[in-house]
Amino acid sequence: MNLLVTGAAGFIGSTYVRQLLAADAPGAPRITVLDKLTYAGTLDNLPIGHPRLEFVQGDICDADLVEKLMADADEVVHFAAESHVDRSILGAADFVRTNVLGTQTLLDAALRHGVGPFVHVSTDEVYGSITSGSWPEDHPLEPNSPYSASKASSDLLALAYHRTHGLDVRVTRCSNNYGPHQFPEKVIPLFVSNLLDGRKVPLYGEGLNVRDWLHVEDHCQGVELVRTRGRSGEVYNIGGGTELSNKELTGLLLEACGATWDSVEHVEDRKGHDLRYSVDWSKIRDELGYHPRREFTAGLADTVAWYRDNRAWWEPLKRRAGQGA
């Protein structure tokens, strides 16, 4: 079986690929990774040279390339996306192009070649903000940032291909991921790498925004359950079960890095900053047997230790992104 995985030189996609390659059982899929290698993707995230892995550098908006790869694929897991909210606020064009037009290019090719399942990996941010309770999968989409609006658009487009054409599309929406190999513009690796260098960390507003945290390996476990056992045309929320305010998270990171609140710099709040995200993941639990395996305290400690021990991975990325000292 040939599995096409897009965007798998990035944080979540590469974790998914490494997990599949580590499970070297009979019938394990051959994997083709398609990745543009933008600023957030690096070949250092992948076991290049593995006999079941082929890497292709390219753009999911390149219809000719996508057509060629889809002709050899049996199934697709689609991670490729522009994903940083702050960057989308500064300019939305790349987000619309990659997240909407790129997804449409993949869907068209999958339809022509009868490829499926097509797992479309999305985010809880498409739901907007919720003051209490948790979103079920049928909650209306109310995105508030250009990033989340582009992801909501791609979700609806993917589901439309199922309803119109019968394409076997399955959508996942995850809560905030953390873990090794996350690009250091996101809050946990940014704060950890800054603190390890003795630098200040920027906390939006008073740090009252609440997120549910999910270890990347648990997220990828959920994606694989949806690929192998999920139902066509369905949406599955994937949650972590650990809600923290940004201020609470900052306190944990300060403690883990041996720093104090003197290292925190309060900065102007993000435009349109959603107050709270929380997904109801009872559907994937009850239908597919999903449950987070990584306890948050231990997972966070392991993550901090990974960044402490892998400066050679993140220091060049921060310099390339203009975040170096």
C-alpha atoms as a PDB file:
ATOM      1  CA  MET A   1       0.000   0.000   0.000  1.00  0.00           C
ATOM      2  CA  ASN A   2       1.295   3.438  -0.978  1.00  0.00           C
ATOM      3  CA  LEU A   3       0.524   6.311   1.386  1.00  0.00           C
ATOM      4  CA  LEU A   4       0.991   9.932   0.305  1.00  0.00           C
ATOM      5  CA  VAL A   5       1.649  12.229   3.267  1.00  0.00           C
ATOM      6  CA  THR A   6       1.777  15.973   2.622  1.00  0.00           C
ATOM      7  CA  GLY A   7       3.650  18.446   4.786  1.00  0.00           C
ATOM      8  CA  ALA A   8       5.557  15.722   6.608  1.00  0.00           C
ATOM      9  CA  ALA A   9       8.840  17.598   6.978  1.00  0.00           C
ATOM     10  CA  GLY A  10       7.062  19.729   9.574  1.00  0.00           C
ATOM     11  CA  PHE A  11       6.333  19.069  13.226  1.00  0.00           C
ATOM     12  CA  ILE A  12       3.177  16.945  13.256  1.00  0.00           C
ATOM     13  CA  GLY A  13       3.531  15.275   9.862  1.00  0.00           C
ATOM     14  CA  SER A  14       7.091  14.131  10.534  1.00  0.00           C
ATOM     15  CA  THR A  15       6.042  12.657  13.884  1.00  0.00           C
ATOM     16  CA  TYR A  16       3.301  10.720  12.099  1.00  0.00           C
ATOM     17  CA  VAL A  17       5.729   9.397   9.483  1.00  0.00           C
ATOM     18  CA  ARG A  18       8.331   8.397  12.062  1.00  0.00           C
ATOM     19  CA  GLN A  19       5.672   6.493  13.999  1.00  0.00           C
ATOM     20  CA  LEU A  20       4.548   4.580  10.904  1.00  0.00           C
ATOM     21  CA  LEU A  21       8.108   3.755   9.890  1.00  0.00           C
ATOM     22  CA  ALA A  22       8.928   2.537  13.403  1.00  0.00           C
ATOM     23  CA  ALA A  23       6.024   0.084  13.208  1.00  0.00           C
ATOM     24  CA  ASP A  24       7.710  -2.167  10.670  1.00  0.00           C
ATOM     25  CA  ALA A  25       5.042  -4.880  10.640  1.00  0.00           C
ATOM     26  CA  PRO A  26       3.979  -6.950   7.606  1.00  0.00           C
ATOM     27  CA  GLY A  27       1.832  -4.827   5.328  1.00  0.00           C
ATOM     28  CA  ALA A  28       3.218  -1.528   6.651  1.00  0.00           C
ATOM     29  CA  PRO A  29       2.711   1.169   4.035  1.00  0.00           C
ATOM     30  CA  ARG A  30       5.306   2.631   1.749  1.00  0.00           C
ATOM     31  CA  ILE A  31       5.275   6.378   2.340  1.00  0.00           C
ATOM     32  CA  THR A  32       5.794   9.238  -0.086  1.00  0.00           C
ATOM     33  CA  VAL A  33       6.291  12.590   1.611  1.00  0.00           C
ATOM     34  CA  LEU A  34       5.463  15.716  -0.371  1.00  0.00           C
ATOM     35  CA  ASP A  35       6.759  18.874   1.293  1.00  0.00           C
ATOM     36  CA  LYS A  36       7.700  22.304  -0.004  1.00  0.00           C
ATOM     37  CA  LEU A  37      10.360  22.749   2.703  1.00  0.00           C
ATOM     38  CA  THR A  38       9.216  26.196   3.739  1.00  0.00           C
ATOM     39  CA  TYR A  39      10.830  27.878   6.747  1.00  0.00           C
ATOM     40  CA  ALA A  40       8.958  25.469   9.079  1.00  0.00           C
ATOM     41  CA  GLY A  41      10.013  22.234   7.377  1.00  0.00           C
ATOM     42  CA  THR A  42      13.375  20.496   7.537  1.00  0.00           C
ATOM     43  CA  LEU A  43      14.699  17.174   6.328  1.00  0.00           C
ATOM     44  CA  ASP A  44      16.292  16.765   9.758  1.00  0.00           C
ATOM     45  CA  ASN A  45      12.804  15.751  10.942  1.00  0.00           C
ATOM     46  CA  LEU A  46      12.701  12.677   8.690  1.00  0.00           C
ATOM     47  CA  PRO A  47      14.691   9.410   8.525  1.00  0.00           C
ATOM     48  CA  ILE A  48      15.831  10.033   4.958  1.00  0.00           C
ATOM     49  CA  GLY A  49      17.167   6.794   3.507  1.00  0.00           C
ATOM     50  CA  HIS A  50      14.602   4.547   5.168  1.00  0.00           C
ATOM     51  CA  PRO A  51      13.651   1.832   2.647  1.00  0.00           C
ATOM     52  CA  ARG A  52       9.915   2.564   2.949  1.00  0.00           C
ATOM     53  CA  LEU A  53      10.269   6.354   2.634  1.00  0.00           C
ATOM     54  CA  GLU A  54      10.457   8.507  -0.483  1.00  0.00           C
ATOM     55  CA  PHE A  55      10.797  12.267  -0.151  1.00  0.00           C
ATOM     56  CA  VAL A  56       9.621  14.643  -2.877  1.00  0.00           C
ATOM     57  CA  GLN A  57      10.187  18.368  -2.532  1.00  0.00           C
ATOM     58  CA  GLY A  58       7.307  20.280  -4.049  1.00  0.00           C
ATOM     59  CA  ASP A  59       4.214  22.401  -3.643  1.00  0.00           C
ATOM     60  CA  ILE A  60       0.726  20.961  -3.100  1.00  0.00           C
ATOM     61  CA  CYS A  61      -0.494  23.707  -5.468  1.00  0.00           C
ATOM     62  CA  ASP A  62       1.616  22.205  -8.279  1.00  0.00           C
ATOM     63  CA  ALA A  63      -1.135  20.339 -10.123  1.00  0.00           C
ATOM     64  CA  ASP A  64       1.215  18.404 -12.433  1.00  0.00           C
ATOM     65  CA  LEU A  65       3.347  17.138  -9.562  1.00  0.00           C
ATOM     66  CA  VAL A  66       0.322  16.274  -7.425  1.00  0.00           C
ATOM     67  CA  GLU A  67      -1.211  14.411 -10.380  1.00  0.00           C
ATOM     68  CA  LYS A  68       1.933  12.315 -10.790  1.00  0.00           C
ATOM     69  CA  LEU A  69       2.170  11.420  -7.111  1.00  0.00           C
ATOM     70  CA  MET A  70      -1.543  10.736  -6.705  1.00  0.00           C
ATOM     71  CA  ALA A  71      -1.448   8.274  -9.605  1.00  0.00           C
ATOM     72  CA  ASP A  72       0.796   6.037  -7.466  1.00  0.00           C
ATOM     73  CA  ALA A  73      -1.026   6.594  -4.164  1.00  0.00           C
ATOM     74  CA  ASP A  74      -3.656   4.451  -2.496  1.00  0.00           C
ATOM     75  CA  GLU A  75      -4.402   6.738   0.472  1.00  0.00           C
ATOM     76  CA  VAL A  76      -3.594  10.293   1.565  1.00  0.00           C
ATOM     77  CA  VAL A  77      -2.933  11.972   4.901  1.00  0.00           C
ATOM     78  CA  HIS A  78      -2.897  15.731   4.347  1.00  0.00           C
ATOM     79  CA  PHE A  79      -0.921  17.716   6.939  1.00  0.00           C
ATOM     80  CA  ALA A  80       0.494  20.439   4.675  1.00  0.00           C
ATOM     81  CA  ALA A  81      -0.625  23.883   5.805  1.00  0.00           C
ATOM     82  CA  GLU A  82       0.471  27.357   6.707  1.00  0.00           C
ATOM     83  CA  SER A  83      -0.329  27.283  10.405  1.00  0.00           C
ATOM     84  CA  HIS A  84       0.973  30.265  12.390  1.00  0.00           C
ATOM     85  CA  VAL A  85      -1.785  32.678  13.399  1.00  0.00           C
ATOM     86  CA  ASP A  86       0.507  35.682  13.830  1.00  0.00           C
ATOM     87  CA  ARG A  87       1.862  35.274  10.303  1.00  0.00           C
ATOM     88  CA  SER A  88      -1.675  35.029   8.926  1.00  0.00           C
ATOM     89  CA  ILE A  89      -2.564  38.333  10.585  1.00  0.00           C
ATOM     90  CA  LEU A  90       0.398  40.008   8.892  1.00  0.00           C
ATOM     91  CA  GLY A  91      -0.583  38.557   5.509  1.00  0.00           C
ATOM     92  CA  ALA A  92      -3.265  36.035   4.573  1.00  0.00           C
ATOM     93  CA  ALA A  93      -2.412  35.309   0.918  1.00  0.00           C
ATOM     94  CA  ASP A  94      -0.077  32.352   1.546  1.00  0.00           C
ATOM     95  CA  PHE A  95      -2.636  30.828   3.912  1.00  0.00           C
ATOM     96  CA  VAL A  96      -5.443  30.975   1.374  1.00  0.00           C
ATOM     97  CA  ARG A  97      -3.208  29.679  -1.404  1.00  0.00           C
ATOM     98  CA  THR A  98      -1.770  26.716   0.511  1.00  0.00           C
ATOM     99  CA  ASN A  99      -4.619  25.788   2.808  1.00  0.00           C
ATOM    100  CA  VAL A 100      -7.507  26.269   0.375  1.00  0.00           C
ATOM    101  CA  LEU A 101      -6.157  26.047  -3.166  1.00  0.00           C
ATOM    102  CA  GLY A 102      -3.576  23.420  -2.227  1.00  0.00           C
ATOM    103  CA  THR A 103      -6.235  21.255  -0.610  1.00  0.00           C
ATOM    104  CA  GLN A 104      -8.462  21.633  -3.662  1.00  0.00           C
ATOM    105  CA  THR A 105      -5.575  20.542  -5.915  1.00  0.00           C
ATOM    106  CA  LEU A 106      -5.077  17.413  -3.827  1.00  0.00           C
ATOM    107  CA  LEU A 107      -8.800  16.621  -3.714  1.00  0.00           C
ATOM    108  CA  ASP A 108      -9.176  16.966  -7.474  1.00  0.00           C
ATOM    109  CA  ALA A 109      -6.284  14.588  -8.104  1.00  0.00           C
ATOM    110  CA  ALA A 110      -7.503  12.103  -5.484  1.00  0.00           C
ATOM    111  CA  LEU A 111     -10.924  12.093  -7.122  1.00  0.00           C
ATOM    112  CA  ARG A 112      -9.503  11.475 -10.595  1.00  0.00           C
ATOM    113  CA  HIS A 113      -7.442   8.520  -9.381  1.00  0.00           C
ATOM    114  CA  GLY A 114      -9.942   7.025  -6.954  1.00  0.00           C
ATOM    115  CA  VAL A 115      -7.651   7.510  -3.968  1.00  0.00           C
ATOM    116  CA  GLY A 116      -9.035   7.086  -0.463  1.00  0.00           C
ATOM    117  CA  PRO A 117      -9.247   7.412   2.444  1.00  0.00           C
ATOM    118  CA  PHE A 118      -8.213  11.047   2.218  1.00  0.00           C
ATOM    119  CA  VAL A 119      -7.537  12.202   5.795  1.00  0.00           C
ATOM    120  CA  HIS A 120      -7.666  15.974   6.049  1.00  0.00           C
ATOM    121  CA  VAL A 121      -5.874  17.173   9.198  1.00  0.00           C
ATOM    122  CA  SER A 122      -7.388  20.361  10.623  1.00  0.00           C
ATOM    123  CA  THR A 123      -7.560  22.305  13.891  1.00  0.00           C
ATOM    124  CA  ASP A 124      -9.897  23.190  16.732  1.00  0.00           C
ATOM    125  CA  GLU A 125      -9.418  26.851  15.814  1.00  0.00           C
ATOM    126  CA  VAL A 126     -12.039  26.522  13.071  1.00  0.00           C
ATOM    127  CA  TYR A 127     -14.727  26.554  15.788  1.00  0.00           C
ATOM    128  CA  GLY A 128     -13.786  30.028  17.042  1.00  0.00           C
ATOM    129  CA  SER A 129     -13.855  30.620  20.796  1.00  0.00           C
ATOM    130  CA  ILE A 130     -15.957  29.031  23.538  1.00  0.00           C
ATOM    131  CA  THR A 131     -16.422  30.391  27.064  1.00  0.00           C
ATOM    132  CA  SER A 132     -17.585  27.123  28.640  1.00  0.00           C
ATOM    133  CA  GLY A 133     -18.177  23.538  27.623  1.00  0.00           C
ATOM    134  CA  SER A 134     -16.607  21.850  24.598  1.00  0.00           C
ATOM    135  CA  TRP A 135     -17.320  21.778  20.878  1.00  0.00           C
ATOM    136  CA  PRO A 136     -18.800  18.638  19.316  1.00  0.00           C
ATOM    137  CA  GLU A 137     -17.952  17.921  15.697  1.00  0.00           C
ATOM    138  CA  ASP A 138     -21.253  19.312  14.398  1.00  0.00           C
ATOM    139  CA  HIS A 139     -20.781  22.733  16.009  1.00  0.00           C
ATOM    140  CA  PRO A 140     -20.938  25.583  13.449  1.00  0.00           C
ATOM    141  CA  LEU A 141     -17.568  26.857  12.291  1.00  0.00           C
ATOM    142  CA  GLU A 142     -16.849  30.413  13.435  1.00  0.00           C
ATOM    143  CA  PRO A 143     -13.148  31.094  12.747  1.00  0.00           C
ATOM    144  CA  ASN A 144     -11.691  34.399  13.882  1.00  0.00           C
ATOM    145  CA  SER A 145      -8.216  34.566  12.316  1.00  0.00           C
ATOM    146  CA  PRO A 146      -7.173  34.399   8.661  1.00  0.00           C
ATOM    147  CA  TYR A 147      -5.389  31.131   9.483  1.00  0.00           C
ATOM    148  CA  SER A 148      -8.419  29.468  11.044  1.00  0.00           C
ATOM    149  CA  ALA A 149     -10.695  30.835   8.311  1.00  0.00           C
ATOM    150  CA  SER A 150      -8.478  29.247   5.658  1.00  0.00           C
ATOM    151  CA  LYS A 151      -8.542  25.924   7.529  1.00  0.00           C
ATOM    152  CA  ALA A 152     -12.326  26.087   7.944  1.00  0.00           C
ATOM    153  CA  SER A 153     -12.593  26.699   4.201  1.00  0.00           C
ATOM    154  CA  SER A 154     -10.459  23.662   3.441  1.00  0.00           C
ATOM    155  CA  ASP A 155     -12.511  21.518   5.866  1.00  0.00           C
ATOM    156  CA  LEU A 156     -15.735  22.457   4.112  1.00  0.00           C
ATOM    157  CA  LEU A 157     -14.196  21.920   0.697  1.00  0.00           C
ATOM    158  CA  ALA A 158     -12.958  18.438   1.659  1.00  0.00           C
ATOM    159  CA  LEU A 159     -16.342  17.453   3.075  1.00  0.00           C
ATOM    160  CA  ALA A 160     -18.035  18.813  -0.056  1.00  0.00           C
ATOM    161  CA  TYR A 161     -15.982  16.397  -2.178  1.00  0.00           C
ATOM    162  CA  HIS A 162     -17.361  13.571  -0.066  1.00  0.00           C
ATOM    163  CA  ARG A 163     -20.962  14.739  -0.344  1.00  0.00           C
ATOM    164  CA  THR A 164     -20.807  15.678  -4.026  1.00  0.00           C
ATOM    165  CA  HIS A 165     -18.469  13.039  -5.437  1.00  0.00           C
ATOM    166  CA  GLY A 166     -18.449  10.292  -2.814  1.00  0.00           C
ATOM    167  CA  LEU A 167     -14.713  10.727  -2.148  1.00  0.00           C
ATOM    168  CA  ASP A 168     -13.691   8.968   1.070  1.00  0.00           C
ATOM    169  CA  VAL A 169     -12.779  12.071   3.074  1.00  0.00           C
ATOM    170  CA  ARG A 170     -12.202  11.998   6.837  1.00  0.00           C
ATOM    171  CA  VAL A 171     -11.485  15.206   8.756  1.00  0.00           C
ATOM    172  CA  THR A 172      -9.626  15.506  12.063  1.00  0.00           C
ATOM    173  CA  ARG A 173      -9.607  18.607  14.276  1.00  0.00           C
ATOM    174  CA  CYS A 174      -6.992  18.643  16.999  1.00  0.00           C
ATOM    175  CA  SER A 175      -6.264  20.817  20.009  1.00  0.00           C
ATOM    176  CA  ASN A 176      -2.887  22.539  20.610  1.00  0.00           C
ATOM    177  CA  ASN A 177       0.041  20.203  19.987  1.00  0.00           C
ATOM    178  CA  TYR A 178       3.362  20.135  21.814  1.00  0.00           C
ATOM    179  CA  GLY A 179       6.426  17.897  21.712  1.00  0.00           C
ATOM    180  CA  PRO A 180       9.856  17.530  20.067  1.00  0.00           C
ATOM    181  CA  HIS A 181      10.612  18.936  16.610  1.00  0.00           C
ATOM    182  CA  GLN A 182       8.093  21.812  16.850  1.00  0.00           C
ATOM    183  CA  PHE A 183       9.280  24.918  15.027  1.00  0.00           C
ATOM    184  CA  PRO A 184      10.356  27.551  17.595  1.00  0.00           C
ATOM    185  CA  GLU A 185       7.799  30.190  16.645  1.00  0.00           C
ATOM    186  CA  LYS A 186       5.077  28.316  18.585  1.00  0.00           C
ATOM    187  CA  VAL A 187       4.653  29.119  22.259  1.00  0.00           C
ATOM    188  CA  ILE A 188       6.260  26.127  24.002  1.00  0.00           C
ATOM    189  CA  PRO A 189       9.442  25.805  21.898  1.00  0.00           C
ATOM    190  CA  LEU A 190       9.738  29.609  21.656  1.00  0.00           C
ATOM    191  CA  PHE A 191       9.529  30.051  25.413  1.00  0.00           C
ATOM    192  CA  VAL A 192      11.802  27.091  26.180  1.00  0.00           C
ATOM    193  CA  SER A 193      14.500  28.080  23.695  1.00  0.00           C
ATOM    194  CA  ASN A 194      14.411  31.714  24.851  1.00  0.00           C
ATOM    195  CA  LEU A 195      14.625  30.717  28.511  1.00  0.00           C
ATOM    196  CA  LEU A 196      17.487  28.312  27.844  1.00  0.00           C
ATOM    197  CA  ASP A 197      19.339  31.251  26.294  1.00  0.00           C
ATOM    198  CA  GLY A 198      18.527  33.537  29.231  1.00  0.00           C
ATOM    199  CA  ARG A 199      16.198  35.668  27.148  1.00  0.00           C
ATOM    200  CA  LYS A 200      12.753  37.036  27.948  1.00  0.00           C
ATOM    201  CA  VAL A 201       9.531  35.426  26.758  1.00  0.00           C
ATOM    202  CA  PRO A 202       6.566  37.382  25.313  1.00  0.00           C
ATOM    203  CA  LEU A 203       3.246  36.710  27.051  1.00  0.00           C
ATOM    204  CA  TYR A 204       0.175  38.075  25.272  1.00  0.00           C
ATOM    205  CA  GLY A 205      -1.903  40.383  27.486  1.00  0.00           C
ATOM    206  CA  GLU A 206      -2.477  38.943  30.938  1.00  0.00           C
ATOM    207  CA  GLY A 207      -2.085  35.361  29.738  1.00  0.00           C
ATOM    208  CA  LEU A 208      -5.720  34.434  30.367  1.00  0.00           C
ATOM    209  CA  ASN A 209      -6.324  32.650  27.047  1.00  0.00           C
ATOM    210  CA  VAL A 210      -7.007  28.937  27.622  1.00  0.00           C
ATOM    211  CA  ARG A 211      -5.901  26.040  25.438  1.00  0.00           C
ATOM    212  CA  ASP A 212      -6.233  22.260  25.610  1.00  0.00           C
ATOM    213  CA  TRP A 213      -2.805  20.620  25.227  1.00  0.00           C
ATOM    214  CA  LEU A 214      -2.194  17.435  23.265  1.00  0.00           C
ATOM    215  CA  HIS A 215       1.117  15.621  22.871  1.00  0.00           C
ATOM    216  CA  VAL A 216       1.991  15.308  19.192  1.00  0.00           C
ATOM    217  CA  GLU A 217       2.392  11.528  19.472  1.00  0.00           C
ATOM    218  CA  ASP A 218      -1.144  11.230  20.827  1.00  0.00           C
ATOM    219  CA  HIS A 219      -2.426  13.406  17.998  1.00  0.00           C
ATOM    220  CA  CYS A 220      -0.727  11.165  15.445  1.00  0.00           C
ATOM    221  CA  GLN A 221      -2.173   8.091  17.154  1.00  0.00           C
ATOM    222  CA  GLY A 222      -5.612   9.635  16.635  1.00  0.00           C
ATOM    223  CA  VAL A 223      -4.930  10.448  12.980  1.00  0.00           C
ATOM    224  CA  GLU A 224      -3.875   6.861  12.341  1.00  0.00           C
ATOM    225  CA  LEU A 225      -7.020   5.535  14.003  1.00  0.00           C
ATOM    226  CA  VAL A 226      -9.100   7.745  11.722  1.00  0.00           C
ATOM    227  CA  ARG A 227      -7.160   6.607   8.635  1.00  0.00           C
ATOM    228  CA  THR A 228      -7.469   2.925   9.423  1.00  0.00           C
ATOM    229  CA  ARG A 229     -10.816   2.702  11.246  1.00  0.00           C
ATOM    230  CA  GLY A 230     -12.681   5.973  10.762  1.00  0.00           C
ATOM    231  CA  ARG A 231     -15.846   6.455   8.741  1.00  0.00           C
ATOM    232  CA  SER A 232     -16.034   8.184   5.392  1.00  0.00           C
ATOM    233  CA  GLY A 233     -17.465  11.703   5.501  1.00  0.00           C
ATOM    234  CA  GLU A 234     -17.000  12.049   9.264  1.00  0.00           C
ATOM    235  CA  VAL A 235     -15.231  14.655  11.399  1.00  0.00           C
ATOM    236  CA  TYR A 236     -13.289  13.552  14.488  1.00  0.00           C
ATOM    237  CA  ASN A 237     -12.090  15.902  17.229  1.00  0.00           C
ATOM    238  CA  ILE A 238      -8.774  14.881  18.830  1.00  0.00           C
ATOM    239  CA  GLY A 239      -8.180  16.366  22.280  1.00  0.00           C
ATOM    240  CA  GLY A 240      -5.586  16.116  25.003  1.00  0.00           C
ATOM    241  CA  GLY A 241      -7.624  16.681  28.143  1.00  0.00           C
ATOM    242  CA  THR A 242      -5.303  19.271  29.734  1.00  0.00           C
ATOM    243  CA  GLU A 243      -6.659  22.817  29.746  1.00  0.00           C
ATOM    244  CA  LEU A 244      -4.298  25.565  30.866  1.00  0.00           C
ATOM    245  CA  SER A 245      -4.280  29.324  30.614  1.00  0.00           C
ATOM    246  CA  ASN A 246      -1.244  30.771  28.891  1.00  0.00           C
ATOM    247  CA  LYS A 247      -0.212  32.201  32.262  1.00  0.00           C
ATOM    248  CA  GLU A 248      -0.386  28.753  33.875  1.00  0.00           C
ATOM    249  CA  LEU A 249       1.604  27.251  31.019  1.00  0.00           C
ATOM    250  CA  THR A 250       4.201  30.007  31.309  1.00  0.00           C
ATOM    251  CA  GLY A 251       4.609  29.255  35.014  1.00  0.00           C
ATOM    252  CA  LEU A 252       5.267  25.588  34.265  1.00  0.00           C
ATOM    253  CA  LEU A 253       7.839  26.466  31.602  1.00  0.00           C
ATOM    254  CA  LEU A 254       9.600  28.947  33.872  1.00  0.00           C
ATOM    255  CA  GLU A 255       9.873  26.281  36.559  1.00  0.00           C
ATOM    256  CA  ALA A 256      11.114  23.654  34.114  1.00  0.00           C
ATOM    257  CA  CYS A 257      13.818  25.979  32.799  1.00  0.00           C
ATOM    258  CA  GLY A 258      14.875  27.323  36.200  1.00  0.00           C
ATOM    259  CA  ALA A 259      13.695  30.847  35.421  1.00  0.00           C
ATOM    260  CA  THR A 260      11.500  33.376  37.251  1.00  0.00           C
ATOM    261  CA  TRP A 261       8.688  35.715  36.300  1.00  0.00           C
ATOM    262  CA  ASP A 262      11.341  38.395  35.723  1.00  0.00           C
ATOM    263  CA  SER A 263      11.901  36.618  32.414  1.00  0.00           C
ATOM    264  CA  VAL A 264       8.338  37.372  31.259  1.00  0.00           C
ATOM    265  CA  GLU A 265       7.572  40.398  29.125  1.00  0.00           C
ATOM    266  CA  HIS A 266       3.875  41.198  28.739  1.00  0.00           C
ATOM    267  CA  VAL A 267       3.161  42.255  25.160  1.00  0.00           C
ATOM    268  CA  GLU A 268       0.128  43.685  23.402  1.00  0.00           C
ATOM    269  CA  ASP A 269      -2.517  41.048  22.903  1.00  0.00           C
ATOM    270  CA  ARG A 270      -2.906  39.388  19.510  1.00  0.00           C
ATOM    271  CA  LYS A 271      -5.635  40.819  17.279  1.00  0.00           C
ATOM    272  CA  GLY A 272      -8.819  38.750  17.461  1.00  0.00           C
ATOM    273  CA  HIS A 273      -7.258  36.494  20.088  1.00  0.00           C
ATOM    274  CA  ASP A 274      -9.636  33.605  20.856  1.00  0.00           C
ATOM    275  CA  LEU A 275     -10.176  33.294  24.605  1.00  0.00           C
ATOM    276  CA  ARG A 276     -10.656  29.533  24.943  1.00  0.00           C
ATOM    277  CA  TYR A 277     -10.583  26.366  22.861  1.00  0.00           C
ATOM    278  CA  SER A 278     -12.028  23.059  24.011  1.00  0.00           C
ATOM    279  CA  VAL A 279     -13.053  20.089  21.858  1.00  0.00           C
ATOM    280  CA  ASP A 280     -15.360  17.260  22.853  1.00  0.00           C
ATOM    281  CA  TRP A 281     -13.430  14.152  21.767  1.00  0.00           C
ATOM    282  CA  SER A 282     -15.893  11.552  23.024  1.00  0.00           C
ATOM    283  CA  LYS A 283     -16.694  10.516  19.433  1.00  0.00           C
ATOM    284  CA  ILE A 284     -13.194   9.294  18.582  1.00  0.00           C
ATOM    285  CA  ARG A 285     -12.931   7.737  22.046  1.00  0.00           C
ATOM    286  CA  ASP A 286     -16.185   5.806  21.770  1.00  0.00           C
ATOM    287  CA  GLU A 287     -15.939   4.847  18.090  1.00  0.00           C
ATOM    288  CA  LEU A 288     -12.221   4.227  17.631  1.00  0.00           C
ATOM    289  CA  GLY A 289     -10.852   3.664  21.140  1.00  0.00           C
ATOM    290  CA  TYR A 290      -8.692   6.786  21.202  1.00  0.00           C
ATOM    291  CA  HIS A 291      -7.294   8.014  24.487  1.00  0.00           C
ATOM    292  CA  PRO A 292      -4.271  10.267  25.159  1.00  0.00           C
ATOM    293  CA  ARG A 293      -1.355   8.182  26.421  1.00  0.00           C
ATOM    294  CA  ARG A 294       1.070  10.935  27.418  1.00  0.00           C
ATOM    295  CA  GLU A 295       0.417  12.522  30.809  1.00  0.00           C
ATOM    296  CA  PHE A 296       0.960  16.255  30.409  1.00  0.00           C
ATOM    297  CA  THR A 297       3.452  16.871  33.222  1.00  0.00           C
ATOM    298  CA  ALA A 298       5.728  14.078  32.038  1.00  0.00           C
ATOM    299  CA  GLY A 299       5.244  15.000  28.381  1.00  0.00           C
ATOM    300  CA  LEU A 300       6.153  18.624  29.018  1.00  0.00           C
ATOM    301  CA  ALA A 301       9.241  17.633  31.011  1.00  0.00           C
ATOM    302  CA  ASP A 302      10.363  15.342  28.174  1.00  0.00           C
ATOM    303  CA  THR A 303       9.767  18.128  25.665  1.00  0.00           C
ATOM    304  CA  VAL A 304      11.824  20.669  27.628  1.00  0.00           C
ATOM    305  CA  ALA A 305      14.605  18.090  27.964  1.00  0.00           C
ATOM    306  CA  TRP A 306      14.534  17.455  24.200  1.00  0.00           C
ATOM    307  CA  TYR A 307      15.028  21.150  23.409  1.00  0.00           C
ATOM    308  CA  ARG A 308      17.757  21.382  26.050  1.00  0.00           C
ATOM    309  CA  ASP A 309      19.588  18.467  24.424  1.00  0.00           C
ATOM    310  CA  ASN A 310      19.004  19.416  20.777  1.00  0.00           C
ATOM    311  CA  ARG A 311      20.283  22.937  20.304  1.00  0.00           C
ATOM    312  CA  ALA A 312      21.830  21.873  17.020  1.00  0.00           C
ATOM    313  CA  TRP A 313      18.303  21.329  15.696  1.00  0.00           C
ATOM    314  CA  TRP A 314      16.582  24.556  16.806  1.00  0.00           C
ATOM    315  CA  GLU A 315      19.345  27.161  16.838  1.00  0.00           C
ATOM    316  CA  PRO A 316      19.732  27.241  13.010  1.00  0.00           C
ATOM    317  CA  LEU A 317      15.948  27.429  12.610  1.00  0.00           C
ATOM    318  CA  LYS A 318      15.688  30.433  14.937  1.00  0.00           C
ATOM    319  CA  ARG A 319      18.526  32.186  13.119  1.00  0.00           C
ATOM    320  CA  ARG A 320      16.840  31.507   9.772  1.00  0.00           C
ATOM    321  CA  ALA A 321      13.584  32.968  11.109  1.00  0.00           C
ATOM    322  CA  GLY A 322      15.371  36.031  12.514  1.00  0.00           C
ATOM    323  CA  GLN A 323      14.759  34.981  16.119  1.00  0.00           C
ATOM    324  CA  GLY A 324      18.367  34.515  17.134  1.00  0.00           C
ATOM    325  CA  ALA A 325      20.176  36.560  19.732  1.00  0.00           C
END
